[in-house]
Amino acid sequence: MELRFQITAQQAGERIDALLPRLVPDLSRSAVQKLLGSGGLRVNGQAVKKNYLLRPGDALDLSLPEPEPALPQAQDIPLDIVYEDADLIVVNKPRGLVVHPAAGHPDGTLVNALLWHCGDSLSGVGGVLRPGIVHRIDRDTSGLLAVAKNDLAHRGLAAQLADHSMFRIYEAVVCGRMRADSGTVDAPIGRHPTDRKRMAVLPTGGREAVTHWEVLARYRDHTHLRCRLETGRTHQIRVHLAHIGHPLAGDIVYGRGKADKGLAGQCLHARELELTHPRSGARLRFTTQLPDYFQDFLRRLGEPEA
């Protein structure tokens, strides 16, 4: 794939390896440096170094190889299966398990485990790297995930996500005592303007995102919440609660910058899932217990306040 960019006055003065990942979000800074070394990126037809400072009018010519994704391999990884039939499977994902292969996580994912368990019986709508995956939860978020075992189920579940008829209920512990008993965060979310690995609430250009929350218990410095997603944007609950001043306990990306004692990631669990069976039309509801890490953290917080 061939791309060309013309540098504007506003972009001038930036290093080429810092600017290009913002122009092409799929490129990391290290990938840009490799392209510079291999001749896949030139400025005004010439090779430059990674610290080259761009000038107004510079022409960037970028030659990207076509991606050749490797097919995920089946791996014997234990699964906590909540429900399964010929069309779908609902799993309770543990914290720390990545959902599908991606950069930095080529295997050892939920998809690898599903391929071992289901064999060839997973939908192909999501592509070769995400067979059966209709919706995702973060690596350090635990809880319920519905997986399609065929294309009919995939299309049916995806339609429910689109029209908000699939209900997903989370429990979370956030930093600080929330004063109100319930509320809604209605704020669009998009890619962070300067950090492509993060999401952010954006004044313009973001996608609609709505999170409803209610207080389950208050502690001295934390609040236990129940959250319902109306939409399903990347990192939605984490971004929304941080936006209103109550980041998730343990969230080092959107929170305090350091992990809370006893937490190896955000304290967030997808506890309830309600959907319509894509073939029978029956309404199904699944629930899980709070995992040990979540319950242990609540115990460390002490007795909730009256």
Protein backbone atom coordinates (compact mmCIF):
# COMPACT_ATOMS: atom_id res chain seq x y z
CA MET A 1 0.00 0.00 0.00
CA GLU A 2 1.40 3.39 -1.04
CA LEU A 3 0.63 6.55 0.96
CA ARG A 4 1.73 10.16 0.56
CA PHE A 5 1.47 13.01 3.07
CA GLN A 6 2.26 16.70 2.65
CA ILE A 7 3.53 18.38 5.81
CA THR A 8 1.62 21.49 6.89
CA ALA A 9 2.96 24.48 8.78
CA GLN A 10 1.28 23.19 11.94
CA GLN A 11 3.04 19.84 11.65
CA ALA A 12 6.46 21.31 10.90
CA GLY A 13 9.13 20.99 13.56
CA GLU A 14 8.07 17.53 14.73
CA ARG A 15 10.26 14.46 14.49
CA ILE A 16 9.17 12.16 11.70
CA ASP A 17 8.97 9.10 13.99
CA ALA A 18 6.69 11.03 16.38
CA LEU A 19 4.28 12.47 13.81
CA LEU A 20 3.74 9.51 11.48
CA PRO A 21 2.04 7.21 14.05
CA ARG A 22 -0.63 9.90 14.41
CA LEU A 23 -1.09 10.10 10.65
CA VAL A 24 -1.24 6.29 10.33
CA PRO A 25 -2.68 4.93 13.63
CA ASP A 26 -1.77 1.32 12.79
CA LEU A 27 1.92 2.22 12.83
CA SER A 28 3.91 2.28 16.05
CA ARG A 29 6.93 4.51 16.52
CA SER A 30 9.24 1.49 16.30
CA ALA A 31 7.54 0.41 13.05
CA VAL A 32 8.22 3.86 11.58
CA GLN A 33 11.88 3.53 12.52
CA LYS A 34 12.07 0.13 10.80
CA LEU A 35 10.50 1.60 7.65
CA LEU A 36 13.07 4.40 7.67
CA GLY A 37 15.85 1.83 7.88
CA SER A 38 14.45 -0.35 5.11
CA GLY A 39 13.69 2.46 2.67
CA GLY A 40 9.94 2.12 3.01
CA LEU A 41 9.64 5.73 4.13
CA ARG A 42 11.25 8.66 2.32
CA VAL A 43 11.04 12.42 2.60
CA ASN A 44 11.15 14.30 -0.71
CA GLY A 45 12.47 11.10 -2.25
CA GLN A 46 15.40 10.86 0.16
CA ALA A 47 16.18 8.61 3.12
CA VAL A 48 16.24 10.42 6.47
CA LYS A 49 17.00 9.53 10.08
CA LYS A 50 14.37 8.90 12.74
CA ASN A 51 15.08 12.26 14.40
CA TYR A 52 14.54 14.24 11.18
CA LEU A 53 12.59 17.42 11.92
CA LEU A 54 9.85 17.92 9.36
CA ARG A 55 9.53 21.13 7.35
CA PRO A 56 6.48 22.75 5.74
CA GLY A 57 5.83 21.21 2.35
CA ASP A 58 7.85 18.05 2.94
CA ALA A 59 6.43 15.12 0.96
CA LEU A 60 6.34 11.82 2.84
CA ASP A 61 6.14 8.70 0.69
CA LEU A 62 5.24 5.58 2.62
CA SER A 63 5.27 2.04 1.24
CA LEU A 64 3.54 -0.46 3.52
CA PRO A 65 3.65 -4.22 2.90
CA GLU A 66 0.30 -5.97 2.75
CA PRO A 67 -0.48 -7.58 6.10
CA GLU A 68 -0.18 -11.34 6.27
CA PRO A 69 -1.83 -12.36 9.53
CA ALA A 70 -0.86 -15.74 10.90
CA LEU A 71 -3.74 -18.07 11.68
CA PRO A 72 -4.18 -18.54 15.44
CA GLN A 73 -3.26 -22.00 16.67
CA ALA A 74 -5.42 -24.10 18.99
CA GLN A 75 -3.99 -24.23 22.51
CA ASP A 76 -5.10 -26.28 25.49
CA ILE A 77 -5.98 -23.39 27.82
CA PRO A 78 -8.67 -24.01 30.48
CA LEU A 79 -12.02 -22.32 29.89
CA ASP A 80 -14.72 -21.46 32.44
CA ILE A 81 -17.78 -22.23 30.29
CA VAL A 82 -21.06 -20.81 31.58
CA TYR A 83 -23.25 -21.92 28.65
CA GLU A 84 -22.79 -23.70 25.34
CA ASP A 85 -24.94 -25.00 22.51
CA ALA A 86 -24.54 -25.45 18.74
CA ASP A 87 -24.70 -21.68 18.08
CA LEU A 88 -22.97 -19.89 20.89
CA ILE A 89 -20.72 -20.27 23.90
CA VAL A 90 -20.60 -17.98 26.93
CA VAL A 91 -17.35 -17.95 28.89
CA ASN A 92 -16.28 -16.35 32.15
CA LYS A 93 -12.92 -14.83 31.17
CA PRO A 94 -10.31 -14.56 33.91
CA ARG A 95 -8.37 -11.39 34.51
CA GLY A 96 -5.07 -11.37 32.61
CA LEU A 97 -6.28 -13.32 29.56
CA VAL A 98 -6.17 -11.43 26.24
CA VAL A 99 -9.26 -12.03 24.07
CA HIS A 100 -7.61 -12.41 20.64
CA PRO A 101 -4.12 -12.36 19.10
CA ALA A 102 -2.66 -8.91 18.56
CA ALA A 103 0.69 -7.16 18.59
CA GLY A 104 2.60 -8.41 21.62
CA HIS A 105 0.17 -11.28 22.19
CA PRO A 106 0.50 -13.74 19.28
CA ASP A 107 -0.90 -16.67 21.27
CA GLY A 108 -2.09 -17.71 24.73
CA THR A 109 -5.37 -15.86 24.15
CA LEU A 110 -9.03 -16.71 24.58
CA VAL A 111 -9.25 -17.32 20.82
CA ASN A 112 -6.48 -19.93 21.03
CA ALA A 113 -8.38 -21.63 23.86
CA LEU A 114 -11.68 -21.52 21.93
CA LEU A 115 -10.06 -23.07 18.85
CA TRP A 116 -8.90 -26.00 21.01
CA HIS A 117 -12.34 -26.41 22.58
CA CYS A 118 -14.53 -25.78 19.53
CA GLY A 119 -12.31 -26.95 16.68
CA ASP A 120 -13.53 -25.49 13.40
CA SER A 121 -16.88 -24.51 14.90
CA LEU A 122 -16.37 -20.76 15.24
CA SER A 123 -17.81 -18.01 13.06
CA GLY A 124 -15.55 -16.39 10.48
CA VAL A 125 -17.25 -13.00 10.37
CA GLY A 126 -14.68 -11.48 12.73
CA GLY A 127 -11.72 -12.42 10.50
CA VAL A 128 -8.91 -14.93 10.81
CA LEU A 129 -7.48 -13.42 14.01
CA ARG A 130 -10.83 -13.09 15.78
CA PRO A 131 -12.94 -16.15 14.94
CA GLY A 132 -16.20 -16.09 16.89
CA ILE A 133 -15.43 -12.83 18.69
CA VAL A 134 -18.42 -10.47 18.68
CA HIS A 135 -17.50 -8.21 21.60
CA ARG A 136 -14.40 -7.89 23.76
CA ILE A 137 -13.33 -7.09 27.27
CA ASP A 138 -9.89 -5.85 28.26
CA ARG A 139 -7.09 -8.20 29.30
CA ASP A 140 -7.29 -7.14 32.95
CA THR A 141 -11.09 -7.08 33.02
CA SER A 142 -12.75 -10.35 34.01
CA GLY A 143 -16.21 -11.67 33.27
CA LEU A 144 -18.78 -12.83 30.76
CA LEU A 145 -18.22 -12.90 27.03
CA ALA A 146 -20.52 -14.33 24.33
CA VAL A 147 -18.81 -16.08 21.41
CA ALA A 148 -20.48 -17.05 18.10
CA LYS A 149 -19.96 -20.60 16.85
CA ASN A 150 -21.31 -19.87 13.37
CA ASP A 151 -21.98 -16.90 11.11
CA LEU A 152 -25.74 -16.86 11.80
CA ALA A 153 -25.05 -16.46 15.51
CA HIS A 154 -22.36 -13.84 14.87
CA ARG A 155 -24.67 -11.66 12.79
CA GLY A 156 -27.49 -12.06 15.32
CA LEU A 157 -25.34 -11.10 18.31
CA ALA A 158 -23.73 -8.22 16.43
CA ALA A 159 -27.20 -6.84 15.60
CA GLN A 160 -28.12 -6.92 19.30
CA LEU A 161 -24.98 -4.98 20.16
CA ALA A 162 -25.87 -2.43 17.51
CA ASP A 163 -29.46 -1.91 18.70
CA HIS A 164 -28.49 -2.07 22.41
CA SER A 165 -30.69 -5.10 23.13
CA MET A 166 -27.77 -7.08 24.56
CA PHE A 167 -27.48 -6.02 28.19
CA ARG A 168 -24.02 -6.04 29.80
CA ILE A 169 -23.74 -5.32 33.51
CA TYR A 170 -20.39 -4.72 35.19
CA GLU A 171 -19.30 -4.24 38.77
CA ALA A 172 -16.43 -1.91 39.52
CA VAL A 173 -14.59 -0.29 42.40
CA VAL A 174 -13.64 3.32 41.80
CA CYS A 175 -11.41 5.74 43.67
CA GLY A 176 -13.15 8.27 45.88
CA ARG A 177 -16.60 8.42 47.48
CA MET A 178 -19.32 9.17 44.94
CA ARG A 179 -21.96 11.49 46.38
CA ALA A 180 -24.89 10.69 44.10
CA ASP A 181 -26.56 7.28 44.27
CA SER A 182 -26.75 6.89 40.50
CA GLY A 183 -26.03 8.69 37.28
CA THR A 184 -25.28 8.51 33.57
CA VAL A 185 -22.16 9.51 31.66
CA ASP A 186 -23.10 10.49 28.12
CA ALA A 187 -19.85 11.57 26.48
CA PRO A 188 -18.36 10.62 23.07
CA ILE A 189 -15.18 8.54 23.06
CA GLY A 190 -12.41 8.37 20.50
CA ARG A 191 -8.69 7.80 20.18
CA HIS A 192 -6.63 10.07 22.45
CA PRO A 193 -5.25 12.95 20.35
CA THR A 194 -1.61 12.41 21.42
CA ASP A 195 -1.45 8.89 22.87
CA ARG A 196 -2.75 6.32 20.37
CA LYS A 197 -2.79 3.54 22.97
CA ARG A 198 -5.42 5.35 25.03
CA MET A 199 -9.00 6.43 24.49
CA ALA A 200 -10.47 9.72 25.67
CA VAL A 201 -13.67 11.73 25.92
CA LEU A 202 -13.53 14.07 22.92
CA PRO A 203 -15.38 17.37 22.40
CA THR A 204 -15.70 16.58 18.67
CA GLY A 205 -15.16 13.55 16.48
CA GLY A 206 -15.79 10.85 19.06
CA ARG A 207 -18.35 8.05 18.86
CA GLU A 208 -21.48 8.07 21.01
CA ALA A 209 -20.86 6.42 24.38
CA VAL A 210 -23.32 6.05 27.28
CA THR A 211 -22.65 4.44 30.67
CA HIS A 212 -25.25 4.17 33.45
CA TRP A 213 -24.01 3.63 37.02
CA GLU A 214 -25.41 3.14 40.50
CA VAL A 215 -23.74 2.88 43.90
CA LEU A 216 -23.73 -0.52 45.61
CA ALA A 217 -21.56 0.43 48.62
CA ARG A 218 -19.38 3.28 49.82
CA TYR A 219 -16.08 2.96 51.64
CA ARG A 220 -13.79 5.60 53.11
CA ASP A 221 -11.85 6.23 49.89
CA HIS A 222 -13.61 4.01 47.33
CA THR A 223 -17.06 3.27 45.91
CA HIS A 224 -18.43 -0.07 44.68
CA LEU A 225 -20.53 0.46 41.53
CA ARG A 226 -22.86 -1.39 39.23
CA CYS A 227 -22.47 -0.16 35.62
CA ARG A 228 -24.65 -0.85 32.58
CA LEU A 229 -23.31 -0.26 29.10
CA GLU A 230 -25.68 1.28 26.60
CA THR A 231 -22.91 1.38 24.02
CA GLY A 232 -19.67 -0.60 23.86
CA ARG A 233 -16.69 1.58 23.03
CA THR A 234 -13.11 0.54 23.74
CA HIS A 235 -12.27 1.12 27.45
CA GLN A 236 -15.67 2.81 27.84
CA ILE A 237 -16.27 2.31 31.57
CA ARG A 238 -12.65 3.09 32.41
CA VAL A 239 -12.64 6.31 30.34
CA HIS A 240 -16.08 7.51 31.48
CA LEU A 241 -15.49 7.03 35.20
CA ALA A 242 -12.06 8.65 34.99
CA HIS A 243 -13.69 11.53 33.11
CA ILE A 244 -16.03 12.26 36.04
CA GLY A 245 -13.16 12.12 38.53
CA HIS A 246 -13.52 8.54 39.79
CA PRO A 247 -11.05 6.28 37.94
CA LEU A 248 -11.19 2.54 38.54
CA ALA A 249 -9.12 1.21 41.40
CA GLY A 250 -6.00 -0.40 39.99
CA ASP A 251 -6.25 1.30 36.58
CA ILE A 252 -2.73 2.55 35.88
CA VAL A 253 -3.66 3.82 32.39
CA TYR A 254 -6.60 6.08 33.26
CA GLY A 255 -6.16 6.29 37.02
CA ARG A 256 -3.53 7.30 39.52
CA GLY A 257 -0.61 5.96 37.52
CA LYS A 258 0.19 3.24 40.03
CA ALA A 259 -1.60 0.02 40.97
CA ASP A 260 -3.64 -0.16 44.17
CA LYS A 261 -2.25 -2.60 46.69
CA GLY A 262 -3.37 -6.14 45.86
CA LEU A 263 -4.61 -5.27 42.35
CA ALA A 264 -2.77 -6.22 39.16
CA GLY A 265 -5.12 -4.21 36.95
CA GLN A 266 -8.44 -2.38 37.05
CA CYS A 267 -11.09 -3.70 39.46
CA LEU A 268 -13.76 -4.39 36.82
CA HIS A 269 -15.87 -7.52 36.27
CA ALA A 270 -18.50 -8.22 33.59
CA ARG A 271 -20.97 -9.86 35.96
CA GLU A 272 -24.24 -10.12 34.00
CA LEU A 273 -25.05 -10.73 30.34
CA GLU A 274 -28.51 -10.84 28.81
CA LEU A 275 -29.17 -11.58 25.14
CA THR A 276 -31.63 -13.10 22.71
CA HIS A 277 -30.63 -16.48 21.34
CA PRO A 278 -29.86 -15.83 17.64
CA ARG A 279 -31.66 -19.00 16.48
CA SER A 280 -34.45 -19.80 18.96
CA GLY A 281 -35.32 -16.23 19.93
CA ALA A 282 -35.32 -17.16 23.63
CA ARG A 283 -34.13 -14.51 26.05
CA LEU A 284 -31.10 -15.74 28.01
CA ARG A 285 -29.56 -14.24 31.14
CA PHE A 286 -26.22 -15.23 32.66
CA THR A 287 -24.60 -14.18 35.92
CA THR A 288 -21.30 -14.93 37.65
CA GLN A 289 -19.89 -14.56 41.12
CA LEU A 290 -17.37 -11.82 41.76
CA PRO A 291 -13.88 -13.31 41.25
CA ASP A 292 -11.50 -13.79 44.16
CA TYR A 293 -9.35 -10.74 43.37
CA PHE A 294 -12.44 -8.50 43.45
CA GLN A 295 -13.79 -9.94 46.71
CA ASP A 296 -10.33 -9.79 48.33
CA PHE A 297 -10.03 -6.10 47.45
CA LEU A 298 -13.46 -5.34 48.92
CA ARG A 299 -12.44 -7.10 52.15
CA ARG A 300 -9.28 -5.00 52.35
CA LEU A 301 -11.41 -1.85 52.12
CA GLY A 302 -13.12 -2.81 55.37
CA GLU A 303 -16.77 -2.44 56.27
CA PRO A 304 -18.87 -0.34 53.92
CA GLU A 305 -20.30 2.88 55.29
CA ALA A 306 -23.94 3.03 56.23
